[in-house]
């Protein structure tokens, strides 16, 4: 879709069940310690994950 030279891309959103508190803490721990995950993704996850409340 274009309007006045602007391109808008459609995004597919999936609705997944919320993480339990234990799952969230486990994911947060992994983001803090797993050096196999790229640093950029670890930092983003540590910022976003605590905001995700059930």
PDB file of N, CA and C in Angstrom:
ATOM      1  N   UNK A   1       0.853  -1.172   0.000  1.00  0.00           N
ATOM      2  CA  UNK A   1       0.000   0.000   0.000  1.00  0.00           C
ATOM      3  C   UNK A   1       0.900   1.236   0.000  1.00  0.00           C
ATOM      4  N   UNK A   2       0.608   2.185  -0.852  1.00  0.00           N
ATOM      5  CA  UNK A   2       1.389   3.413  -0.878  1.00  0.00           C
ATOM      6  C   UNK A   2       0.462   4.622  -0.803  1.00  0.00           C
ATOM      7  N   UNK A   3       0.961   5.644  -0.159  1.00  0.00           N
ATOM      8  CA  UNK A   3       0.229   6.913  -0.072  1.00  0.00           C
ATOM      9  C   UNK A   3       1.260   8.023  -0.048  1.00  0.00           C
ATOM     10  N   UNK A   4       1.210   8.883  -1.031  1.00  0.00           N
ATOM     11  CA  UNK A   4       2.137  10.012  -1.116  1.00  0.00           C
ATOM     12  C   UNK A   4       3.591   9.563  -1.020  1.00  0.00           C
ATOM     13  N   UNK A   5       3.914   8.454  -1.669  1.00  0.00           N
ATOM     14  CA  UNK A   5       5.293   7.983  -1.679  1.00  0.00           C
ATOM     15  C   UNK A   5       5.730   7.228  -0.437  1.00  0.00           C
ATOM     16  N   UNK A   6       4.820   6.932   0.478  1.00  0.00           N
ATOM     17  CA  UNK A   6       5.152   6.209   1.702  1.00  0.00           C
ATOM     18  C   UNK A   6       4.715   4.761   1.546  1.00  0.00           C
ATOM     19  N   UNK A   7       5.588   3.842   1.859  1.00  0.00           N
ATOM     20  CA  UNK A   7       5.276   2.423   1.767  1.00  0.00           C
ATOM     21  C   UNK A   7       4.966   1.897   3.167  1.00  0.00           C
ATOM     22  N   UNK A   8       3.825   1.238   3.315  1.00  0.00           N
ATOM     23  CA  UNK A   8       3.423   0.659   4.593  1.00  0.00           C
ATOM     24  C   UNK A   8       3.435  -0.853   4.428  1.00  0.00           C
ATOM     25  N   UNK A   9       4.216  -1.522   5.246  1.00  0.00           N
ATOM     26  CA  UNK A   9       4.315  -2.972   5.177  1.00  0.00           C
ATOM     27  C   UNK A   9       3.357  -3.615   6.166  1.00  0.00           C
ATOM     28  N   UNK A  10       2.693  -4.671   5.756  1.00  0.00           N
ATOM     29  CA  UNK A  10       1.795  -5.411   6.647  1.00  0.00           C
ATOM     30  C   UNK A  10       2.629  -6.329   7.517  1.00  0.00           C
ATOM     31  N   UNK A  11       2.255  -6.451   8.768  1.00  0.00           N
ATOM     32  CA  UNK A  11       2.965  -7.307   9.711  1.00  0.00           C
ATOM     33  C   UNK A  11       2.002  -8.326  10.281  1.00  0.00           C
ATOM     34  N   UNK A  12       2.423  -9.564  10.310  1.00  0.00           N
ATOM     35  CA  UNK A  12       1.601 -10.619  10.884  1.00  0.00           C
ATOM     36  C   UNK A  12       1.924 -10.715  12.376  1.00  0.00           C
ATOM     37  N   UNK A  13       0.905 -10.647  13.203  1.00  0.00           N
ATOM     38  CA  UNK A  13       1.072 -10.694  14.650  1.00  0.00           C
ATOM     39  C   UNK A  13       0.541 -12.023  15.151  1.00  0.00           C
ATOM     40  N   UNK A  14       1.342 -12.696  15.948  1.00  0.00           N
ATOM     41  CA  UNK A  14       0.859 -13.955  16.521  1.00  0.00           C
ATOM     42  C   UNK A  14       0.469 -13.719  17.972  1.00  0.00           C
ATOM     43  N   UNK A  15      -0.586 -14.343  18.375  1.00  0.00           N
ATOM     44  CA  UNK A  15      -1.067 -14.227  19.755  1.00  0.00           C
ATOM     45  C   UNK A  15      -0.679 -15.487  20.500  1.00  0.00           C
ATOM     46  N   UNK A  16       0.343 -15.381  21.317  1.00  0.00           N
ATOM     47  CA  UNK A  16       0.802 -16.517  22.102  1.00  0.00           C
ATOM     48  C   UNK A  16       0.386 -16.295  23.539  1.00  0.00           C
ATOM     49  N   UNK A  17       0.286 -17.383  24.267  1.00  0.00           N
ATOM     50  CA  UNK A  17      -0.048 -17.286  25.681  1.00  0.00           C
ATOM     51  C   UNK A  17       1.059 -16.534  26.410  1.00  0.00           C
ATOM     52  N   UNK A  18       0.683 -15.804  27.445  1.00  0.00           N
ATOM     53  CA  UNK A  18       1.670 -15.078  28.240  1.00  0.00           C
ATOM     54  C   UNK A  18       2.575 -16.046  28.972  1.00  0.00           C
ATOM     55  N   UNK A  19       3.799 -15.606  29.219  1.00  0.00           N
ATOM     56  CA  UNK A  19       4.738 -16.421  29.991  1.00  0.00           C
ATOM     57  C   UNK A  19       4.373 -16.355  31.468  1.00  0.00           C
ATOM     58  N   UNK A  20       4.565 -17.465  32.155  1.00  0.00           N
ATOM     59  CA  UNK A  20       4.371 -17.445  33.603  1.00  0.00           C
ATOM     60  C   UNK A  20       5.543 -16.678  34.221  1.00  0.00           C
ATOM     61  N   UNK A  21       5.424 -16.334  35.486  1.00  0.00           N
ATOM     62  CA  UNK A  21       6.514 -15.613  36.153  1.00  0.00           C
ATOM     63  C   UNK A  21       7.798 -16.440  36.147  1.00  0.00           C
ATOM     64  N   UNK A  22       7.682 -17.746  36.381  1.00  0.00           N
ATOM     65  CA  UNK A  22       8.866 -18.618  36.363  1.00  0.00           C
ATOM     66  C   UNK A  22       9.502 -18.664  34.981  1.00  0.00           C
ATOM     67  N   UNK A  23       8.677 -18.726  33.928  1.00  0.00           N
ATOM     68  CA  UNK A  23       9.210 -18.736  32.567  1.00  0.00           C
ATOM     69  C   UNK A  23       9.904 -17.418  32.246  1.00  0.00           C
ATOM     70  N   UNK A  24       9.297 -16.316  32.693  1.00  0.00           N
ATOM     71  CA  UNK A  24       9.894 -15.002  32.458  1.00  0.00           C
ATOM     72  C   UNK A  24      11.233 -14.867  33.165  1.00  0.00           C
ATOM     73  N   UNK A  25      11.291 -15.325  34.415  1.00  0.00           N
ATOM     74  CA  UNK A  25      12.550 -15.253  35.166  1.00  0.00           C
ATOM     75  C   UNK A  25      13.614 -16.156  34.545  1.00  0.00           C
ATOM     76  N   UNK A  26      13.198 -17.329  34.066  1.00  0.00           N
ATOM     77  CA  UNK A  26      14.136 -18.225  33.395  1.00  0.00           C
ATOM     78  C   UNK A  26      14.690 -17.613  32.126  1.00  0.00           C
ATOM     79  N   UNK A  27      13.813 -16.981  31.343  1.00  0.00           N
ATOM     80  CA  UNK A  27      14.252 -16.329  30.111  1.00  0.00           C
ATOM     81  C   UNK A  27      15.181 -15.161  30.428  1.00  0.00           C
ATOM     82  N   UNK A  28      14.853 -14.401  31.459  1.00  0.00           N
ATOM     83  CA  UNK A  28      15.689 -13.277  31.853  1.00  0.00           C
ATOM     84  C   UNK A  28      17.073 -13.761  32.294  1.00  0.00           C
ATOM     85  N   UNK A  29      17.106 -14.836  33.067  1.00  0.00           N
ATOM     86  CA  UNK A  29      18.383 -15.410  33.483  1.00  0.00           C
ATOM     87  C   UNK A  29      19.220 -15.863  32.301  1.00  0.00           C
ATOM     88  N   UNK A  30      18.566 -16.484  31.328  1.00  0.00           N
ATOM     89  CA  UNK A  30      19.290 -16.932  30.134  1.00  0.00           C
ATOM     90  C   UNK A  30      19.837 -15.742  29.349  1.00  0.00           C
ATOM     91  N   UNK A  31      19.027 -14.690  29.225  1.00  0.00           N
ATOM     92  CA  UNK A  31      19.494 -13.497  28.509  1.00  0.00           C
ATOM     93  C   UNK A  31      20.701 -12.862  29.196  1.00  0.00           C
ATOM     94  N   UNK A  32      20.740 -12.948  30.507  1.00  0.00           N
ATOM     95  CA  UNK A  32      21.844 -12.352  31.252  1.00  0.00           C
ATOM     96  C   UNK A  32      23.119 -13.189  31.210  1.00  0.00           C
ATOM     97  N   UNK A  33      22.996 -14.493  30.974  1.00  0.00           N
ATOM     98  CA  UNK A  33      24.165 -15.363  31.093  1.00  0.00           C
ATOM     99  C   UNK A  33      24.582 -16.102  29.823  1.00  0.00           C
ATOM    100  N   UNK A  34      23.689 -16.276  28.859  1.00  0.00           N
ATOM    101  CA  UNK A  34      23.980 -17.095  27.674  1.00  0.00           C
ATOM    102  C   UNK A  34      24.744 -16.289  26.634  1.00  0.00           C
ATOM    103  N   UNK A  35      26.037 -16.534  26.544  1.00  0.00           N
ATOM    104  CA  UNK A  35      26.875 -15.786  25.598  1.00  0.00           C
ATOM    105  C   UNK A  35      26.686 -16.240  24.149  1.00  0.00           C
ATOM    106  N   UNK A  36      25.907 -17.299  23.927  1.00  0.00           N
ATOM    107  CA  UNK A  36      25.617 -17.755  22.564  1.00  0.00           C
ATOM    108  C   UNK A  36      24.572 -16.863  21.892  1.00  0.00           C
ATOM    109  N   UNK A  37      23.789 -16.140  22.682  1.00  0.00           N
ATOM    110  CA  UNK A  37      22.793 -15.221  22.144  1.00  0.00           C
ATOM    111  C   UNK A  37      23.507 -13.899  21.841  1.00  0.00           C
ATOM    112  N   UNK A  38      23.313 -13.344  20.642  1.00  0.00           N
ATOM    113  CA  UNK A  38      23.993 -12.086  20.304  1.00  0.00           C
ATOM    114  C   UNK A  38      23.667 -10.985  21.330  1.00  0.00           C
ATOM    115  N   UNK A  39      24.660 -10.197  21.664  1.00  0.00           N
ATOM    116  CA  UNK A  39      24.518  -9.151  22.685  1.00  0.00           C
ATOM    117  C   UNK A  39      23.355  -8.212  22.391  1.00  0.00           C
ATOM    118  N   UNK A  40      23.182  -7.845  21.142  1.00  0.00           N
ATOM    119  CA  UNK A  40      22.097  -6.934  20.760  1.00  0.00           C
ATOM    120  C   UNK A  40      20.737  -7.517  21.165  1.00  0.00           C
ATOM    121  N   UNK A  41      20.528  -8.819  20.938  1.00  0.00           N
ATOM    122  CA  UNK A  41      19.267  -9.458  21.308  1.00  0.00           C
ATOM    123  C   UNK A  41      19.136  -9.602  22.820  1.00  0.00           C
ATOM    124  N   UNK A  42      20.245  -9.865  23.481  1.00  0.00           N
ATOM    125  CA  UNK A  42      20.215  -9.984  24.947  1.00  0.00           C
ATOM    126  C   UNK A  42      19.804  -8.663  25.588  1.00  0.00           C
ATOM    127  N   UNK A  43      20.387  -7.570  25.121  1.00  0.00           N
ATOM    128  CA  UNK A  43      20.062  -6.254  25.676  1.00  0.00           C
ATOM    129  C   UNK A  43      18.594  -5.919  25.409  1.00  0.00           C
ATOM    130  N   UNK A  44      18.135  -6.149  24.195  1.00  0.00           N
ATOM    131  CA  UNK A  44      16.732  -5.869  23.863  1.00  0.00           C
ATOM    132  C   UNK A  44      15.801  -6.705  24.731  1.00  0.00           C
ATOM    133  N   UNK A  45      16.118  -7.974  24.903  1.00  0.00           N
ATOM    134  CA  UNK A  45      15.288  -8.851  25.720  1.00  0.00           C
ATOM    135  C   UNK A  45      15.233  -8.426  27.171  1.00  0.00           C
ATOM    136  N   UNK A  46      16.371  -8.013  27.719  1.00  0.00           N
ATOM    137  CA  UNK A  46      16.420  -7.577  29.118  1.00  0.00           C
ATOM    138  C   UNK A  46      15.598  -6.301  29.299  1.00  0.00           C
ATOM    139  N   UNK A  47      15.538  -5.464  28.277  1.00  0.00           N
ATOM    140  CA  UNK A  47      14.731  -4.245  28.365  1.00  0.00           C
ATOM    141  C   UNK A  47      13.241  -4.560  28.231  1.00  0.00           C
ATOM    142  N   UNK A  48      12.886  -5.419  27.293  1.00  0.00           N
ATOM    143  CA  UNK A  48      11.483  -5.675  26.978  1.00  0.00           C
ATOM    144  C   UNK A  48      10.834  -6.701  27.905  1.00  0.00           C
ATOM    145  N   UNK A  49      11.548  -7.737  28.276  1.00  0.00           N
ATOM    146  CA  UNK A  49      10.953  -8.846  29.022  1.00  0.00           C
ATOM    147  C   UNK A  49      10.305  -8.423  30.349  1.00  0.00           C
ATOM    148  N   UNK A  50      10.919  -7.587  31.153  1.00  0.00           N
ATOM    149  CA  UNK A  50      10.248  -7.182  32.398  1.00  0.00           C
ATOM    150  C   UNK A  50       8.953  -6.387  32.163  1.00  0.00           C
ATOM    151  N   UNK A  51       8.783  -5.808  30.988  1.00  0.00           N
ATOM    152  CA  UNK A  51       7.572  -5.051  30.674  1.00  0.00           C
ATOM    153  C   UNK A  51       6.396  -5.963  30.345  1.00  0.00           C
ATOM    154  N   UNK A  52       6.694  -7.230  30.027  1.00  0.00           N
ATOM    155  CA  UNK A  52       5.682  -8.193  29.595  1.00  0.00           C
ATOM    156  C   UNK A  52       5.000  -8.804  30.813  1.00  0.00           C
ATOM    157  N   UNK A  53       3.820  -8.319  31.136  1.00  0.00           N
ATOM    158  CA  UNK A  53       3.082  -8.844  32.276  1.00  0.00           C
ATOM    159  C   UNK A  53       1.881  -9.627  31.787  1.00  0.00           C
ATOM    160  N   UNK A  54       1.558 -10.725  32.466  1.00  0.00           N
ATOM    161  CA  UNK A  54       0.390 -11.512  32.039  1.00  0.00           C
ATOM    162  C   UNK A  54      -0.917 -10.768  32.251  1.00  0.00           C
TER     163      UNK A  54
END
